[in-house]
Amino acid sequence: MSEQEVIYSTLRFLQSPSESQNRPKADSVQRSKNTDNKGFSLPWHLLAASLGILCLLLLVTVIVLGLKVFQHVQERHQLEEILQSLSIKCDMIKNDSYVKEQLLTNKTLEYDLLKNETLQQKKELNSGKYNYIHEKNICQRKNISMTSQNKDKPRNEFWSCCGEKCYYFSKEREKWRRCEEICRKYNSFPLKIAGEDELRFIQAQVFTEYYWIGLTYDDRKNKWKWFDNTDYSGIDSDGKTSLPSGGKCACVTATRLETMDCFSSYNCVCEKRITFHPHW
């Protein structure tokens, strides 16, 4: 064997029995430590993941609460605006109510003044100062300048005046409902007889003709009514309200009141109240 050749040999040390016994124990302790370290490393990962999830949940909760708070602030702001608007409207209504109360007070005062003036005028009429009915030759048939509203055919018509009323006796024969249109042409209304004196004056003008008046029978209420929807309470001084049976529309003749079929054609009587006595 040459010098360059190297001889490897395994050296074995002789160990005492005590060392040989202690070494396996040390190895087992080392392996148990490594095993323990590996066992405790897994729960820390789970804890970190749990903490991350918890933080995420807290973040979501904070965001949701923030949105709720923002929404609540917005709603409160809207409610404050609505309340302010309602307060302004309430003030406006109060002002309007105050103005209306003032107007009502003024109108009440005006009404009281007019009422007093009316009572005074009635007293003067009753005393005879302006009582046209009892004046000499006050009820006469004259050609008064009263024209119809038909501008194509303006014409004067014969009107009979007595007291504060003037009467127009139409020449056209029409159904009862058409009389109101004829009277409207002359700014007047169908005749409403107030008493025996007025009835006698009308009868003296109609001669032998039949003339519709503003009186008709109301089937719903089973009573006679004037054109202005007031009840017929009779004309005679004895207060009789019955009319002859025969129709549901009333007309006047030279001697009496008659009831006829409303679709029959007769002349019409219109009346118009005047505020001054016409000059003859």
Protein backbone atom coordinates (compact mmCIF):
# COMPACT_ATOMS: atom_id res chain seq x y z
CA MET A 1 0.00 0.00 0.00
CA SER A 2 1.45 3.26 -1.04
CA GLU A 3 1.80 6.37 1.02
CA GLN A 4 -0.88 8.25 -0.94
CA GLU A 5 -3.52 5.81 -0.04
CA VAL A 6 -5.71 6.91 2.82
CA ILE A 7 -7.20 4.46 5.06
CA TYR A 8 -10.50 5.44 6.61
CA SER A 9 -11.55 3.76 9.64
CA THR A 10 -14.44 4.16 11.90
CA LEU A 11 -13.61 5.09 15.31
CA ARG A 12 -15.87 4.02 17.97
CA PHE A 13 -15.59 5.38 21.36
CA LEU A 14 -16.33 3.29 24.15
CA GLN A 15 -18.97 4.80 26.32
CA SER A 16 -19.82 4.06 29.82
CA PRO A 17 -23.10 2.38 30.57
CA SER A 18 -24.47 5.52 32.22
CA GLU A 19 -23.84 7.71 29.15
CA SER A 20 -25.38 5.13 26.88
CA GLN A 21 -28.51 5.19 29.02
CA ASN A 22 -28.72 9.00 29.18
CA ARG A 23 -28.43 9.54 25.48
CA PRO A 24 -31.67 7.84 24.47
CA LYS A 25 -33.42 9.96 27.11
CA ALA A 26 -31.99 13.17 25.69
CA ASP A 27 -33.06 12.18 22.21
CA SER A 28 -36.58 11.45 23.38
CA VAL A 29 -36.78 14.82 25.17
CA GLN A 30 -35.60 16.64 22.06
CA ARG A 31 -38.18 14.84 19.92
CA SER A 32 -40.96 15.63 22.41
CA LYS A 33 -40.04 19.36 22.32
CA ASN A 34 -40.14 19.38 18.55
CA THR A 35 -43.50 17.60 18.66
CA ASP A 36 -44.87 20.13 21.18
CA ASN A 37 -43.71 23.09 19.07
CA LYS A 38 -45.45 21.65 16.02
CA GLY A 39 -48.65 21.04 18.04
CA PHE A 40 -48.89 24.62 19.38
CA SER A 41 -48.28 26.35 16.01
CA LEU A 42 -51.75 25.36 14.56
CA PRO A 43 -54.06 27.16 17.11
CA TRP A 44 -52.27 30.50 16.51
CA HIS A 45 -53.21 30.40 12.85
CA LEU A 46 -56.82 29.75 13.73
CA LEU A 47 -56.78 32.58 16.27
CA ALA A 48 -55.37 35.00 13.70
CA ALA A 49 -58.07 34.01 11.19
CA SER A 50 -60.77 34.43 13.86
CA LEU A 51 -59.44 37.88 14.75
CA GLY A 52 -59.45 38.87 11.08
CA ILE A 53 -63.06 37.77 10.65
CA LEU A 54 -64.04 39.59 13.84
CA CYS A 55 -62.36 42.78 12.64
CA LEU A 56 -64.17 42.48 9.31
CA LEU A 57 -67.50 42.07 11.11
CA LEU A 58 -66.75 45.09 13.29
CA LEU A 59 -65.87 47.12 10.18
CA VAL A 60 -69.12 46.12 8.51
CA THR A 61 -71.05 46.98 11.68
CA VAL A 62 -69.41 50.40 11.87
CA ILE A 63 -70.24 51.07 8.20
CA VAL A 64 -73.88 50.01 8.69
CA LEU A 65 -74.20 52.17 11.82
CA GLY A 66 -72.63 55.07 9.95
CA LEU A 67 -75.16 54.71 7.14
CA LYS A 68 -78.00 54.53 9.64
CA VAL A 69 -76.78 57.66 11.41
CA PHE A 70 -76.42 59.48 8.06
CA GLN A 71 -79.91 58.39 7.01
CA HIS A 72 -81.32 59.51 10.35
CA VAL A 73 -79.67 62.91 9.96
CA GLN A 74 -81.08 63.26 6.44
CA GLU A 75 -84.60 62.31 7.62
CA ARG A 76 -84.37 64.71 10.51
CA HIS A 77 -83.30 67.47 8.15
CA GLN A 78 -86.26 66.70 5.87
CA LEU A 79 -88.66 66.66 8.81
CA GLU A 80 -87.31 70.02 9.97
CA GLU A 81 -87.89 71.46 6.47
CA ILE A 82 -91.43 70.05 6.38
CA LEU A 83 -92.12 71.44 9.85
CA GLN A 84 -90.82 74.84 8.80
CA SER A 85 -92.98 74.76 5.67
CA LEU A 86 -96.05 73.80 7.70
CA SER A 87 -95.30 76.57 10.16
CA ILE A 88 -95.18 79.09 7.31
CA LYS A 89 -98.47 77.77 5.89
CA CYS A 90 -100.04 77.94 9.34
CA ASP A 91 -99.00 81.58 9.67
CA MET A 92 -100.44 82.32 6.22
CA ILE A 93 -103.72 80.62 7.16
CA LYS A 94 -103.86 82.62 10.37
CA ASN A 95 -103.30 85.83 8.44
CA ASP A 96 -105.98 84.88 5.91
CA SER A 97 -108.35 84.00 8.71
CA TYR A 98 -107.73 87.35 10.35
CA VAL A 99 -108.34 89.18 7.07
CA LYS A 100 -111.54 87.21 6.48
CA GLU A 101 -112.72 87.98 9.99
CA GLN A 102 -112.14 91.66 9.35
CA LEU A 103 -114.02 91.44 6.05
CA LEU A 104 -116.85 89.58 7.76
CA THR A 105 -117.01 92.24 10.44
CA ASN A 106 -117.14 94.97 7.80
CA LYS A 107 -119.82 93.10 5.83
CA THR A 108 -121.84 92.64 9.02
CA LEU A 109 -121.69 96.35 9.67
CA GLU A 110 -122.74 97.07 6.09
CA TYR A 111 -125.58 94.58 6.44
CA ASP A 112 -126.77 96.25 9.62
CA LEU A 113 -126.68 99.64 7.92
CA LEU A 114 -128.62 98.34 4.91
CA LYS A 115 -131.08 96.63 7.21
CA ASN A 116 -131.70 99.86 9.09
CA GLU A 117 -132.11 101.74 5.82
CA THR A 118 -134.54 99.12 4.54
CA LEU A 119 -136.61 99.33 7.72
CA GLN A 120 -136.67 103.09 7.41
CA GLN A 121 -137.81 102.88 3.79
CA LYS A 122 -140.56 100.41 4.74
CA LYS A 123 -141.77 102.82 7.37
CA GLU A 124 -141.83 105.60 4.81
CA LEU A 125 -143.72 103.39 2.33
CA ASN A 126 -146.25 102.43 4.97
CA SER A 127 -146.76 106.07 5.84
CA GLY A 128 -147.75 106.75 2.22
CA LYS A 129 -144.76 108.86 1.15
CA TYR A 130 -143.75 106.43 -1.59
CA ASN A 131 -146.85 104.29 -1.74
CA TYR A 132 -147.53 104.12 -5.51
CA ILE A 133 -150.35 101.61 -5.28
CA HIS A 134 -152.80 104.04 -3.71
CA GLU A 135 -151.89 107.07 -5.80
CA LYS A 136 -154.46 108.32 -8.32
CA ASN A 137 -154.14 106.83 -11.84
CA ILE A 138 -150.94 104.98 -10.82
CA CYS A 139 -151.94 101.72 -12.52
CA GLN A 140 -152.17 102.47 -16.21
CA ARG A 141 -151.22 100.78 -19.48
CA LYS A 142 -148.63 102.91 -21.29
CA ASN A 143 -146.04 102.47 -24.05
CA ILE A 144 -142.85 102.56 -21.98
CA SER A 145 -139.39 102.57 -23.55
CA MET A 146 -138.36 99.04 -22.55
CA THR A 147 -136.61 97.12 -25.33
CA SER A 148 -135.70 93.47 -25.66
CA GLN A 149 -132.13 92.13 -25.68
CA ASN A 150 -132.51 91.08 -29.32
CA LYS A 151 -130.18 93.58 -31.02
CA ASP A 152 -131.27 92.51 -34.49
CA LYS A 153 -134.85 93.62 -33.87
CA PRO A 154 -134.89 96.35 -31.22
CA ARG A 155 -138.44 97.37 -30.45
CA ASN A 156 -140.53 99.01 -27.75
CA GLU A 157 -143.16 96.91 -26.04
CA PHE A 158 -146.34 97.72 -24.11
CA TRP A 159 -145.76 97.41 -20.37
CA SER A 160 -148.38 97.91 -17.71
CA CYS A 161 -147.03 99.37 -14.46
CA CYS A 162 -148.60 99.39 -11.04
CA GLY A 163 -146.73 100.47 -7.95
CA GLU A 164 -143.16 99.17 -8.06
CA LYS A 165 -143.77 96.58 -10.77
CA CYS A 166 -144.20 96.65 -14.53
CA TYR A 167 -145.73 93.79 -16.50
CA TYR A 168 -145.18 92.60 -20.05
CA PHE A 169 -147.89 90.58 -21.82
CA SER A 170 -146.27 88.64 -24.65
CA LYS A 171 -147.82 88.33 -28.07
CA GLU A 172 -146.19 84.97 -28.78
CA ARG A 173 -147.87 81.72 -27.83
CA GLU A 174 -145.38 79.33 -26.24
CA LYS A 175 -145.18 76.34 -23.94
CA TRP A 176 -144.84 77.06 -20.23
CA ARG A 177 -141.06 76.46 -20.09
CA ARG A 178 -140.44 78.90 -22.96
CA CYS A 179 -141.94 81.77 -20.97
CA GLU A 180 -138.83 82.08 -18.84
CA GLU A 181 -136.70 82.60 -21.96
CA ILE A 182 -139.11 85.24 -23.28
CA CYS A 183 -139.04 87.11 -19.96
CA ARG A 184 -135.26 86.95 -19.85
CA LYS A 185 -135.10 88.93 -23.10
CA TYR A 186 -136.58 91.88 -21.21
CA ASN A 187 -134.53 91.39 -18.01
CA SER A 188 -137.67 90.20 -16.26
CA PHE A 189 -139.16 87.05 -14.73
CA PRO A 190 -142.38 85.03 -15.06
CA LEU A 191 -145.22 86.55 -13.08
CA LYS A 192 -145.41 85.81 -9.36
CA ILE A 193 -148.68 87.15 -7.93
CA ALA A 194 -148.30 88.60 -4.44
CA GLY A 195 -151.94 89.25 -3.54
CA GLU A 196 -155.52 89.98 -4.56
CA ASP A 197 -154.83 93.60 -5.62
CA GLU A 198 -152.12 92.50 -8.02
CA LEU A 199 -154.29 89.64 -9.32
CA ARG A 200 -157.19 92.00 -10.07
CA PHE A 201 -154.87 94.38 -11.91
CA ILE A 202 -153.48 91.55 -14.06
CA GLN A 203 -156.94 90.17 -14.81
CA ALA A 204 -158.01 93.59 -16.08
CA GLN A 205 -155.25 93.42 -18.71
CA VAL A 206 -155.66 89.89 -20.09
CA PHE A 207 -159.25 90.21 -21.41
CA THR A 208 -160.32 86.83 -22.81
CA GLU A 209 -156.84 85.34 -23.32
CA TYR A 210 -154.97 82.76 -21.23
CA TYR A 211 -151.52 83.79 -19.94
CA TRP A 212 -148.93 81.56 -18.37
CA ILE A 213 -147.63 82.64 -14.93
CA GLY A 214 -144.58 81.41 -13.02
CA LEU A 215 -146.44 78.73 -11.03
CA THR A 216 -146.07 74.97 -11.56
CA TYR A 217 -146.70 71.74 -9.66
CA ASP A 218 -143.72 69.92 -8.09
CA ASP A 219 -144.34 66.17 -8.34
CA ARG A 220 -141.49 65.32 -5.97
CA LYS A 221 -142.82 67.48 -3.13
CA ASN A 222 -146.48 67.24 -4.10
CA LYS A 223 -147.08 70.96 -3.89
CA TRP A 224 -147.35 74.04 -6.10
CA LYS A 225 -144.26 76.22 -6.36
CA TRP A 226 -143.38 79.52 -7.95
CA PHE A 227 -140.54 79.71 -10.47
CA ASP A 228 -138.15 80.92 -7.72
CA ASN A 229 -138.80 77.66 -5.78
CA THR A 230 -140.95 79.31 -3.10
CA ASP A 231 -144.13 77.54 -2.01
CA TYR A 232 -147.50 78.70 -3.25
CA SER A 233 -149.49 79.84 -0.21
CA GLY A 234 -152.59 81.13 -1.91
CA ILE A 235 -153.63 84.52 -3.23
CA ASP A 236 -157.12 85.07 -1.80
CA SER A 237 -157.50 86.73 1.57
CA ASP A 238 -159.06 83.56 2.95
CA GLY A 239 -155.75 81.72 2.38
CA LYS A 240 -157.02 78.99 0.05
CA THR A 241 -154.12 77.20 -1.64
CA SER A 242 -156.06 74.75 -3.82
CA LEU A 243 -156.13 75.21 -7.59
CA PRO A 244 -158.44 73.67 -10.19
CA SER A 245 -157.33 70.26 -11.37
CA GLY A 246 -156.53 69.95 -15.02
CA GLY A 247 -152.81 70.41 -15.50
CA LYS A 248 -149.53 71.06 -13.73
CA CYS A 249 -148.83 74.59 -14.94
CA ALA A 250 -150.88 77.63 -13.94
CA CYS A 251 -152.24 80.43 -16.07
CA VAL A 252 -154.38 83.48 -15.38
CA THR A 253 -157.62 84.50 -17.10
CA ALA A 254 -159.84 87.52 -16.73
CA THR A 255 -161.82 85.81 -13.98
CA ARG A 256 -159.69 83.16 -12.25
CA LEU A 257 -156.53 81.07 -12.07
CA GLU A 258 -156.49 77.90 -14.19
CA THR A 259 -154.21 74.88 -14.47
CA MET A 260 -153.32 73.59 -17.91
CA ASP A 261 -151.10 71.04 -19.61
CA CYS A 262 -147.58 72.50 -19.58
CA PHE A 263 -147.11 71.61 -23.26
CA SER A 264 -150.06 73.73 -24.35
CA SER A 265 -149.28 77.05 -26.04
CA TYR A 266 -150.42 80.31 -24.44
CA ASN A 267 -149.15 83.86 -23.99
CA CYS A 268 -146.83 84.73 -21.11
CA VAL A 269 -146.88 87.40 -18.40
CA CYS A 270 -143.51 88.79 -17.27
CA GLU A 271 -142.85 91.12 -14.36
CA LYS A 272 -140.03 93.53 -13.60
CA ARG A 273 -139.48 95.53 -10.44
CA ILE A 274 -138.58 99.18 -10.93
CA THR A 275 -136.74 101.46 -8.51
CA PHE A 276 -138.50 104.61 -9.73
CA HIS A 277 -141.87 105.35 -11.23
CA PRO A 278 -141.66 105.81 -15.01
CA HIS A 279 -142.63 109.14 -16.51
CA TRP A 280 -145.82 108.79 -18.48
